[in-house]
Amino acid sequence: MPGFAQFYDAMVAQLPPEYEAGADVERVCWPLLQELAAAATPAGSSPAGGSTQHDSIAGQAPGSSNSAAQLSVLDMCTGSGRVALALAARWAAWTGASPGTRLSIVGVDHSSEMLAAAQAAAAERSTHSSVQLSWQLGDMAAPQPPVPPGTCSLAILTAGSFHHLLTSADQAAALRSLAACLRQPPAPSFLVLNLLDPGHLAAHAGQELLAGPYRRMCLAAAREAAPDGGMIWRHRFRLQRYASEVAAAAVEAAGLLWEREEGWALREVAPEDLERLAAAAGLQLVRRRARWSDGWGGAAPACAVADGRVFVFAPGPAAA
């Protein structure tokens, strides 16, 4: 039965502008991948189509990685594959990579339902020979990294997925696992991660959302203290799928195709706590931004720690 994956995609498609849907790929992940492709070019050559927006990444000169020209992207909590598929499509259409450079993208999610939706979406699209897409079931807090250690050029954890880690121990484990996936210096590699605005974490009992032929009602919402001192929002939602958008808007009983209930829990995360946990996991902060639209490059001024929502980390020494 179609369910949460289809609803989730419909919901994302109609989010208001302040959620910046799609800006994670457009403004940060894709520009970073272009720079990584430039750095993967063998020394002494340059990618076709000219250089990308920076001449070096985090102080590392292009060509400092090995000459295999192989890039690997990990899309953790890939869901229905939105980010992975968008990056694959952009790579296939891009002429800036040097000939022979290949891109491997691994989408990982703990939900087999979401992965099935990602696989179905990928099957509907043609895949360029320079891109390899794969999908696997996995948990972001699992102690074993989802890809071989030290092989990943770019790890991505967006859509506020970090908030689904409900204990500080799981948060630390996830960051250690992601750090282990990344290639080590002098080869450049990055982790892109975001936090949600606190106002976007909570729904309220009785609150409804209409997304195409889907309706969502919040049945219950509670904010509770976690044993380790954090705060967690727990919600219960009823999801309904109608025969049409008109039937959903009118709540036509005859047009109701199915309904199901879903639990949803999100932990509040302070930016300073994220940066502290990342440092302990051996990740150094490269960029902190208040919005995806501030972009990856250096044009936007660094925001205050408390305002940080978008973070780019690179491997570094673990903090004591």
Protein backbone atom coordinates (compact mmCIF):
# COMPACT_ATOMS: atom_id res chain seq x y z
CA MET A 1 0.00 0.00 0.00
CA PRO A 2 1.38 3.45 -0.88
CA GLY A 3 2.03 5.36 2.29
CA PHE A 4 4.44 7.58 4.09
CA ALA A 5 7.04 7.96 1.34
CA GLN A 6 4.50 9.36 -1.11
CA PHE A 7 3.02 11.64 1.53
CA TYR A 8 6.47 12.88 2.53
CA ASP A 9 7.36 13.84 -1.05
CA ALA A 10 4.04 15.66 -1.45
CA MET A 11 4.62 17.50 1.82
CA VAL A 12 8.15 18.61 0.86
CA ALA A 13 6.89 19.83 -2.52
CA GLN A 14 4.52 22.32 -0.91
CA LEU A 15 6.63 23.55 2.01
CA PRO A 16 6.65 27.33 2.48
CA PRO A 17 9.73 29.28 1.31
CA GLU A 18 11.27 29.55 4.78
CA TYR A 19 11.98 25.79 4.70
CA GLU A 20 14.21 26.32 1.61
CA ALA A 21 13.26 22.97 0.06
CA GLY A 22 15.87 21.99 -2.53
CA ALA A 23 18.34 24.72 -1.53
CA ASP A 24 20.51 22.13 0.22
CA VAL A 25 21.42 20.65 -3.17
CA GLU A 26 21.41 23.88 -5.16
CA ARG A 27 23.40 26.11 -2.82
CA VAL A 28 25.71 23.80 -0.86
CA CYS A 29 25.90 20.12 -1.82
CA TRP A 30 26.28 20.55 -5.57
CA PRO A 31 28.85 23.40 -5.38
CA LEU A 32 30.85 21.30 -2.90
CA LEU A 33 30.73 18.28 -5.19
CA GLN A 34 31.98 20.41 -8.08
CA GLU A 35 34.94 21.54 -5.99
CA LEU A 36 35.68 17.99 -4.95
CA ALA A 37 35.68 16.99 -8.62
CA ALA A 38 38.23 19.71 -9.32
CA ALA A 39 40.40 18.47 -6.46
CA ALA A 40 40.13 14.90 -7.75
CA THR A 41 41.63 15.93 -11.09
CA PRO A 42 45.16 14.51 -11.47
CA ALA A 43 47.84 17.12 -10.80
CA GLY A 44 48.84 19.10 -13.84
CA SER A 45 45.44 18.90 -15.54
CA SER A 46 42.27 20.91 -15.17
CA PRO A 47 38.63 19.89 -15.50
CA ALA A 48 36.90 20.64 -18.76
CA GLY A 49 34.67 23.68 -18.62
CA GLY A 50 36.99 25.69 -16.35
CA SER A 51 37.48 25.91 -12.63
CA THR A 52 34.76 25.95 -10.03
CA GLN A 53 34.04 28.91 -7.75
CA HIS A 54 37.16 28.40 -5.58
CA ASP A 55 40.75 27.53 -6.42
CA SER A 56 41.16 25.29 -3.39
CA ILE A 57 39.15 23.59 -0.70
CA ALA A 58 39.89 24.26 2.94
CA GLY A 59 43.48 25.14 2.08
CA GLN A 60 44.13 22.03 0.00
CA ALA A 61 45.32 22.49 -3.56
CA PRO A 62 43.46 20.87 -6.46
CA GLY A 63 45.11 17.61 -7.38
CA SER A 64 45.98 16.79 -3.78
CA SER A 65 43.80 13.69 -3.84
CA ASN A 66 44.73 10.55 -5.70
CA SER A 67 44.58 10.41 -9.49
CA ALA A 68 41.85 7.79 -9.69
CA ALA A 69 39.25 10.56 -10.22
CA GLN A 70 36.66 8.59 -8.26
CA LEU A 71 34.25 10.45 -5.99
CA SER A 72 31.99 8.79 -3.47
CA VAL A 73 28.94 10.45 -1.89
CA LEU A 74 27.05 9.11 1.12
CA ASP A 75 23.48 10.38 1.43
CA MET A 76 22.57 9.35 4.97
CA CYS A 77 18.84 9.25 5.75
CA THR A 78 18.23 9.46 2.02
CA GLY A 79 14.47 8.95 2.39
CA SER A 80 12.94 8.73 -1.06
CA GLY A 81 16.27 9.71 -2.62
CA ARG A 82 15.64 13.40 -3.26
CA VAL A 83 19.22 14.59 -2.67
CA ALA A 84 20.93 11.54 -4.19
CA LEU A 85 18.85 11.66 -7.36
CA ALA A 86 19.29 15.42 -7.73
CA LEU A 87 23.06 15.14 -7.45
CA ALA A 88 23.13 12.22 -9.91
CA ALA A 89 21.11 14.23 -12.45
CA ARG A 90 23.33 17.29 -12.08
CA TRP A 91 26.48 15.23 -12.44
CA ALA A 92 25.19 13.53 -15.58
CA ALA A 93 24.45 16.91 -17.17
CA TRP A 94 27.67 18.61 -16.05
CA THR A 95 30.61 19.02 -18.41
CA GLY A 96 33.03 20.35 -15.79
CA ALA A 97 34.46 17.05 -14.58
CA SER A 98 37.63 15.74 -16.19
CA PRO A 99 37.11 12.80 -18.58
CA GLY A 100 36.87 9.50 -16.78
CA THR A 101 35.87 10.96 -13.43
CA ARG A 102 33.19 8.75 -11.91
CA LEU A 103 30.68 9.41 -9.16
CA SER A 104 29.31 6.80 -6.76
CA ILE A 105 26.32 7.73 -4.60
CA VAL A 106 25.11 5.50 -1.78
CA GLY A 107 21.72 6.31 -0.25
CA VAL A 108 21.20 4.89 3.24
CA ASP A 109 17.98 4.87 5.25
CA HIS A 110 16.54 2.86 8.14
CA SER A 111 13.13 2.63 6.43
CA SER A 112 12.67 -0.08 3.82
CA GLU A 113 9.52 1.73 2.69
CA MET A 114 11.47 4.92 1.92
CA LEU A 115 14.25 2.99 0.20
CA ALA A 116 11.73 1.21 -2.00
CA ALA A 117 10.42 4.62 -3.07
CA ALA A 118 13.98 5.80 -3.81
CA GLN A 119 14.70 2.71 -5.88
CA ALA A 120 11.44 3.14 -7.80
CA ALA A 121 12.25 6.79 -8.53
CA ALA A 122 15.75 5.86 -9.68
CA ALA A 123 14.37 3.15 -11.98
CA GLU A 124 12.23 5.74 -13.73
CA ARG A 125 15.28 7.81 -14.65
CA SER A 126 18.10 7.01 -16.99
CA THR A 127 21.48 6.77 -15.28
CA HIS A 128 24.58 8.19 -16.91
CA SER A 129 27.49 5.79 -17.24
CA SER A 130 29.64 8.04 -15.05
CA VAL A 131 27.22 7.75 -12.10
CA GLN A 132 26.61 4.69 -9.95
CA LEU A 133 23.60 4.78 -7.61
CA SER A 134 23.02 2.23 -4.87
CA TRP A 135 20.73 1.97 -1.87
CA GLN A 136 21.10 0.18 1.44
CA LEU A 137 19.25 -0.28 4.70
CA GLY A 138 21.10 1.21 7.64
CA ASP A 139 20.92 3.23 10.84
CA MET A 140 22.86 6.48 11.17
CA ALA A 141 23.75 5.67 14.79
CA ALA A 142 25.02 2.15 14.03
CA PRO A 143 28.60 1.61 15.25
CA GLN A 144 29.69 0.17 11.89
CA PRO A 145 30.05 2.86 9.18
CA PRO A 146 27.63 2.30 6.26
CA VAL A 147 30.44 2.49 3.69
CA PRO A 148 34.09 1.34 3.96
CA PRO A 149 36.02 3.70 6.26
CA GLY A 150 38.01 6.44 4.59
CA THR A 151 36.32 6.17 1.19
CA CYS A 152 33.73 8.93 1.18
CA SER A 153 34.37 12.33 -0.44
CA LEU A 154 31.10 13.90 0.65
CA ALA A 155 28.69 12.79 3.37
CA ILE A 156 25.27 14.43 3.56
CA LEU A 157 22.80 14.45 6.44
CA THR A 158 20.12 17.02 5.67
CA ALA A 159 16.34 17.54 6.02
CA GLY A 160 16.87 17.91 9.76
CA SER A 161 17.49 14.18 10.10
CA PHE A 162 19.96 14.71 12.95
CA HIS A 163 16.97 15.63 15.16
CA HIS A 164 15.73 12.03 14.94
CA LEU A 165 18.64 10.95 17.16
CA LEU A 166 16.98 11.04 20.57
CA THR A 167 20.00 10.62 22.86
CA SER A 168 23.32 12.42 23.05
CA ALA A 169 25.00 9.00 22.88
CA ASP A 170 23.32 8.27 19.53
CA GLN A 171 24.24 11.74 18.27
CA ALA A 172 27.88 11.15 19.14
CA ALA A 173 27.82 7.66 17.58
CA ALA A 174 26.35 9.00 14.34
CA LEU A 175 28.99 11.72 14.05
CA ARG A 176 31.79 9.23 14.75
CA SER A 177 30.41 6.91 12.07
CA LEU A 178 30.13 9.70 9.51
CA ALA A 179 33.63 10.93 10.36
CA ALA A 180 34.99 7.41 9.84
CA CYS A 181 33.44 7.28 6.36
CA LEU A 182 35.28 10.38 5.16
CA ARG A 183 38.54 10.32 3.27
CA GLN A 184 41.43 11.56 5.35
CA PRO A 185 43.79 14.47 4.56
CA PRO A 186 45.42 15.38 2.31
CA ALA A 187 42.44 14.21 0.23
CA PRO A 188 39.59 16.69 0.78
CA SER A 189 36.28 15.42 2.12
CA PHE A 190 33.29 17.00 3.83
CA LEU A 191 30.19 16.36 5.91
CA VAL A 192 27.16 18.58 5.25
CA LEU A 193 24.61 18.62 8.06
CA ASN A 194 21.73 20.87 9.01
CA LEU A 195 19.55 21.63 12.02
CA LEU A 196 15.98 22.83 11.85
CA ASP A 197 14.75 26.10 13.20
CA PRO A 198 13.29 25.40 16.67
CA GLY A 199 9.91 26.62 15.49
CA HIS A 200 9.85 23.91 12.83
CA LEU A 201 10.19 21.02 15.28
CA ALA A 202 6.77 21.15 16.90
CA ALA A 203 3.26 20.52 15.66
CA HIS A 204 0.17 21.02 17.81
CA ALA A 205 -2.75 18.73 18.50
CA GLY A 206 -5.47 19.36 15.94
CA GLN A 207 -3.11 21.01 13.46
CA GLU A 208 -3.77 19.89 9.87
CA LEU A 209 -1.68 19.90 6.74
CA LEU A 210 -2.99 19.47 3.20
CA ALA A 211 -0.48 18.27 0.60
CA GLY A 212 -2.11 17.39 -2.72
CA PRO A 213 -4.34 14.34 -2.18
CA TYR A 214 -2.92 13.82 1.34
CA ARG A 215 -4.08 15.14 4.70
CA ARG A 216 -2.15 15.03 7.94
CA MET A 217 -3.63 15.74 11.35
CA CYS A 218 -1.63 15.97 14.54
CA LEU A 219 -3.45 13.81 17.08
CA ALA A 220 -1.11 14.44 20.02
CA ALA A 221 2.01 16.46 20.78
CA ALA A 222 4.15 16.55 23.89
CA ARG A 223 7.52 18.03 24.83
CA GLU A 224 9.39 15.93 27.36
CA ALA A 225 12.77 15.87 29.05
CA ALA A 226 15.17 13.12 28.00
CA PRO A 227 17.12 11.24 30.71
CA ASP A 228 20.36 12.86 29.50
CA GLY A 229 18.93 16.36 29.82
CA GLY A 230 17.79 17.02 26.24
CA MET A 231 14.27 17.96 25.18
CA ILE A 232 12.21 15.79 22.82
CA TRP A 233 9.04 16.52 20.89
CA ARG A 234 6.81 13.46 20.41
CA HIS A 235 3.93 13.55 17.97
CA ARG A 236 1.24 11.23 16.72
CA PHE A 237 -0.18 11.90 13.25
CA ARG A 238 -3.03 10.53 11.18
CA LEU A 239 -2.19 10.37 7.48
CA GLN A 240 -4.97 10.09 4.91
CA ARG A 241 -4.82 9.52 1.18
CA TYR A 242 -7.78 10.66 -0.92
CA ALA A 243 -8.67 9.99 -4.52
CA SER A 244 -7.89 13.58 -5.50
CA GLU A 245 -6.71 16.92 -4.14
CA VAL A 246 -10.30 18.17 -4.29
CA ALA A 247 -11.53 15.21 -2.22
CA ALA A 248 -8.78 15.79 0.33
CA ALA A 249 -9.60 19.47 0.66
CA ALA A 250 -13.29 18.68 1.13
CA VAL A 251 -12.59 15.67 3.42
CA GLU A 252 -14.90 13.55 1.27
CA ALA A 253 -15.45 10.24 3.04
CA ALA A 254 -16.22 8.52 -0.27
CA GLY A 255 -12.87 9.65 -1.65
CA LEU A 256 -10.77 8.29 1.23
CA LEU A 257 -8.49 5.55 -0.10
CA TRP A 258 -6.56 4.74 3.08
CA GLU A 259 -5.41 6.13 6.37
CA ARG A 260 -2.65 5.25 8.80
CA GLU A 261 -1.08 6.60 11.97
CA GLU A 262 2.59 7.46 12.40
CA GLY A 263 4.69 8.38 15.41
CA TRP A 264 7.27 11.14 15.09
CA ALA A 265 9.92 12.17 17.61
CA LEU A 266 12.46 14.98 17.27
CA ARG A 267 15.14 16.09 19.71
CA GLU A 268 16.00 19.75 20.12
CA VAL A 269 19.65 20.34 19.21
CA ALA A 270 21.57 23.51 20.08
CA PRO A 271 24.17 24.50 17.46
CA GLU A 272 26.89 24.75 20.11
CA ASP A 273 26.12 21.17 21.22
CA LEU A 274 26.39 19.93 17.65
CA GLU A 275 29.74 21.62 17.16
CA ARG A 276 31.03 20.22 20.45
CA LEU A 277 29.96 16.67 19.54
CA ALA A 278 31.43 17.03 16.05
CA ALA A 279 34.78 18.17 17.46
CA ALA A 280 34.83 15.17 19.80
CA ALA A 281 34.21 12.93 16.77
CA GLY A 282 37.21 14.36 14.93
CA LEU A 283 35.33 16.82 12.72
CA GLN A 284 36.44 20.42 12.37
CA LEU A 285 34.02 23.16 11.39
CA VAL A 286 34.63 24.60 7.91
CA ARG A 287 31.46 26.66 7.39
CA ARG A 288 28.52 27.71 9.55
CA ARG A 289 25.53 29.40 7.94
CA ALA A 290 22.09 30.51 9.11
CA ARG A 291 20.35 29.43 5.87
CA TRP A 292 20.97 27.15 2.92
CA SER A 293 20.57 30.20 0.67
CA ASP A 294 23.71 31.71 2.22
CA GLY A 295 25.54 29.14 0.12
CA TRP A 296 28.83 27.29 0.39
CA GLY A 297 31.18 30.04 -0.74
CA GLY A 298 32.78 32.74 1.33
CA ALA A 299 30.51 35.62 0.27
CA ALA A 300 28.06 35.29 3.16
CA PRO A 301 29.46 36.29 6.57
CA ALA A 302 29.71 33.58 9.19
CA CYS A 303 26.69 33.68 11.48
CA ALA A 304 26.72 33.58 15.26
CA VAL A 305 26.92 30.12 16.78
CA ALA A 306 23.38 30.32 18.14
CA ASP A 307 22.04 31.13 14.67
CA GLY A 308 23.81 28.24 12.94
CA ARG A 309 21.55 25.91 10.94
CA VAL A 310 23.80 24.70 8.09
CA PHE A 311 27.21 23.21 8.87
CA VAL A 312 30.08 21.91 6.77
CA PHE A 313 32.68 19.81 8.61
CA ALA A 314 35.96 18.23 7.52
CA PRO A 315 38.12 15.56 9.16
CA GLY A 316 40.45 16.89 11.82
CA PRO A 317 41.94 15.84 15.15
CA ALA A 318 39.42 14.73 17.76
CA ALA A 319 38.94 17.20 20.59
CA ALA A 320 40.07 16.04 24.00
